[in-house]
Amino acid sequence: MDFKTVKEVLEFAIRKEDASAQFYHDLAALMKDSTTRIIFEVLERNEMQHKSSLEFELIKQGQVVNEEGYKVTDEPTGYIEVDEQAQSMTYVDALQLAIRKEQAAFKLFAELMVQAKDPQLRKMFFELAQEEMRHVLQFENEYNSILPKK
């Protein structure tokens, strides 16, 4: 991936958020346990809020947001297949999955930040990586709060 403009970075990030929202939507639809379904629905809404924020950044750059939406053209990094086995996920399983997914997103944006030559692009990737790390920490805190104390 070779990004030359902030617009390209934003469009890429929008596609990633859209793909993540769809992933969580698909998982929520499979869940038998209502508590686990709710966490995936919340995650889907969070990803849609992130997508909206990125679209706003695109507008601030003087760009027009594509009304048809942004489609993922390549398989997302750290993609985890949604299958029938997901139906038996527990709340703890859901948190572990969310942690892995957010860690993969963090790693992607951190790697892109290191590769970026333009300071503005580097800053954009840094901010995206920070956002993903905040999610990782949020889910890890929740996960640790429900583990039995030793």
Protein backbone atom coordinates (compact mmCIF):
# COMPACT_ATOMS: atom_id res chain seq x y z
CA MET A 1 0.00 0.00 0.00
CA ASP A 2 1.47 3.25 -1.11
CA PHE A 3 -0.43 6.34 0.05
CA LYS A 4 0.46 9.68 -1.47
CA THR A 5 -2.25 11.90 0.01
CA VAL A 6 -4.24 12.33 3.20
CA LYS A 7 -7.36 11.67 1.08
CA GLU A 8 -6.06 8.21 0.18
CA VAL A 9 -5.31 7.46 3.84
CA LEU A 10 -8.76 8.60 4.93
CA GLU A 11 -10.51 6.61 2.23
CA PHE A 12 -8.51 3.52 3.21
CA ALA A 13 -9.36 4.02 6.90
CA ILE A 14 -13.03 4.53 6.03
CA ARG A 15 -13.03 1.21 4.16
CA LYS A 16 -11.39 -0.49 7.15
CA GLU A 17 -13.97 0.91 9.58
CA ASP A 18 -16.79 -0.08 7.23
CA ALA A 19 -15.41 -3.64 6.96
CA SER A 20 -15.08 -3.86 10.76
CA ALA A 21 -18.64 -2.64 11.25
CA GLN A 22 -19.88 -5.29 8.80
CA PHE A 23 -17.81 -7.94 10.59
CA TYR A 24 -19.34 -7.09 13.97
CA HIS A 25 -22.81 -6.86 12.41
CA ASP A 26 -22.43 -10.37 10.96
CA LEU A 27 -21.22 -11.73 14.30
CA ALA A 28 -24.06 -10.09 16.21
CA ALA A 29 -26.58 -11.71 13.87
CA LEU A 30 -25.16 -15.16 14.68
CA MET A 31 -25.14 -14.83 18.47
CA LYS A 32 -27.55 -16.89 20.54
CA ASP A 33 -26.51 -15.26 23.81
CA SER A 34 -28.06 -11.78 24.11
CA THR A 35 -25.19 -10.34 26.17
CA THR A 36 -22.65 -11.39 23.57
CA ARG A 37 -24.89 -10.14 20.75
CA ILE A 38 -25.12 -6.75 22.47
CA ILE A 39 -21.33 -6.35 22.69
CA PHE A 40 -21.03 -6.96 18.95
CA GLU A 41 -23.85 -4.50 18.24
CA VAL A 42 -22.04 -1.88 20.35
CA LEU A 43 -18.80 -2.62 18.49
CA GLU A 44 -20.61 -2.20 15.17
CA ARG A 45 -21.96 1.21 16.27
CA ASN A 46 -18.49 2.26 17.45
CA GLU A 47 -16.99 1.39 14.07
CA MET A 48 -19.75 3.34 12.29
CA GLN A 49 -19.01 6.36 14.52
CA HIS A 50 -15.33 6.09 13.62
CA LYS A 51 -16.26 5.89 9.95
CA SER A 52 -18.38 9.05 10.32
CA SER A 53 -15.49 10.85 12.02
CA LEU A 54 -13.15 9.88 9.20
CA GLU A 55 -15.69 11.01 6.61
CA PHE A 56 -15.87 14.35 8.43
CA GLU A 57 -12.07 14.61 8.21
CA LEU A 58 -12.35 13.93 4.49
CA ILE A 59 -14.89 16.75 4.15
CA LYS A 60 -12.55 19.07 6.09
CA GLN A 61 -9.91 18.25 3.47
CA GLY A 62 -12.30 19.66 0.87
CA GLN A 63 -13.27 16.25 -0.50
CA VAL A 64 -16.70 14.86 -1.25
CA VAL A 65 -17.78 11.75 0.61
CA ASN A 66 -18.76 8.98 -1.76
CA GLU A 67 -22.50 8.45 -1.19
CA GLU A 68 -22.30 4.83 -2.35
CA GLY A 69 -19.90 4.12 0.48
CA TYR A 70 -16.41 2.71 0.38
CA LYS A 71 -16.00 -0.94 -0.43
CA VAL A 72 -13.09 -3.01 0.78
CA THR A 73 -11.13 -3.99 -2.29
CA ASP A 74 -8.63 -6.23 -0.56
CA GLU A 75 -8.94 -8.55 2.41
CA PRO A 76 -8.47 -6.61 5.66
CA THR A 77 -5.32 -7.31 7.65
CA GLY A 78 -6.02 -9.61 10.56
CA TYR A 79 -9.33 -10.71 9.02
CA ILE A 80 -11.15 -13.32 11.07
CA GLU A 81 -13.75 -15.44 9.31
CA VAL A 82 -17.34 -15.32 10.57
CA ASP A 83 -18.72 -18.84 10.60
CA GLU A 84 -21.33 -20.99 12.29
CA GLN A 85 -18.96 -21.81 15.18
CA ALA A 86 -19.23 -18.17 16.22
CA GLN A 87 -22.77 -18.86 17.47
CA SER A 88 -21.38 -20.53 20.58
CA MET A 89 -19.16 -17.56 21.56
CA THR A 90 -19.32 -16.40 25.13
CA TYR A 91 -18.92 -12.82 26.30
CA VAL A 92 -15.28 -13.59 27.16
CA ASP A 93 -14.75 -15.07 23.68
CA ALA A 94 -16.25 -11.91 22.17
CA LEU A 95 -13.90 -9.69 24.17
CA GLN A 96 -10.89 -11.78 23.15
CA LEU A 97 -11.93 -11.55 19.51
CA ALA A 98 -12.41 -7.79 19.76
CA ILE A 99 -8.95 -7.43 21.34
CA ARG A 100 -7.31 -9.43 18.52
CA LYS A 101 -9.16 -7.48 15.84
CA GLU A 102 -8.24 -4.08 17.32
CA GLN A 103 -4.61 -5.19 17.83
CA ALA A 104 -4.44 -6.13 14.12
CA ALA A 105 -5.80 -2.69 13.17
CA PHE A 106 -3.28 -0.99 15.46
CA LYS A 107 -0.42 -2.99 13.94
CA LEU A 108 -1.54 -2.09 10.41
CA PHE A 109 -1.69 1.65 11.08
CA ALA A 110 1.59 1.60 13.05
CA GLU A 111 3.33 -0.14 10.14
CA LEU A 112 1.88 2.33 7.65
CA MET A 113 3.03 5.20 9.89
CA VAL A 114 6.60 3.91 9.81
CA GLN A 115 6.49 3.53 6.02
CA ALA A 116 4.99 6.98 5.35
CA LYS A 117 7.45 9.55 4.07
CA ASP A 118 5.15 12.57 4.19
CA PRO A 119 4.90 14.09 7.72
CA GLN A 120 1.16 14.77 7.34
CA LEU A 121 0.50 11.15 6.36
CA ARG A 122 2.68 9.92 9.21
CA LYS A 123 0.64 12.04 11.63
CA MET A 124 -2.65 10.68 10.23
CA PHE A 125 -1.48 7.07 10.63
CA PHE A 126 -0.23 7.85 14.14
CA GLU A 127 -3.66 9.18 15.12
CA LEU A 128 -5.40 6.15 13.62
CA ALA A 129 -3.02 3.80 15.46
CA GLN A 130 -3.68 5.66 18.73
CA GLU A 131 -7.43 5.25 18.28
CA GLU A 132 -7.06 1.52 17.72
CA MET A 133 -4.82 1.18 20.80
CA ARG A 134 -7.45 2.97 22.90
CA HIS A 135 -9.91 0.28 21.78
CA VAL A 136 -7.46 -2.49 22.70
CA LEU A 137 -7.01 -1.02 26.18
CA GLN A 138 -10.77 -0.56 26.62
CA PHE A 139 -11.45 -4.22 25.79
CA GLU A 140 -8.50 -5.47 27.85
CA ASN A 141 -9.75 -3.53 30.87
CA GLU A 142 -13.22 -5.03 30.45
CA TYR A 143 -11.74 -8.50 29.99
CA ASN A 144 -9.56 -8.15 33.10
CA SER A 145 -12.48 -6.85 35.16
CA ILE A 146 -14.51 -10.02 34.58
CA LEU A 147 -11.70 -12.52 35.18
CA PRO A 148 -11.76 -14.23 38.56
CA LYS A 149 -9.31 -12.65 40.98
CA LYS A 150 -6.46 -14.90 42.15
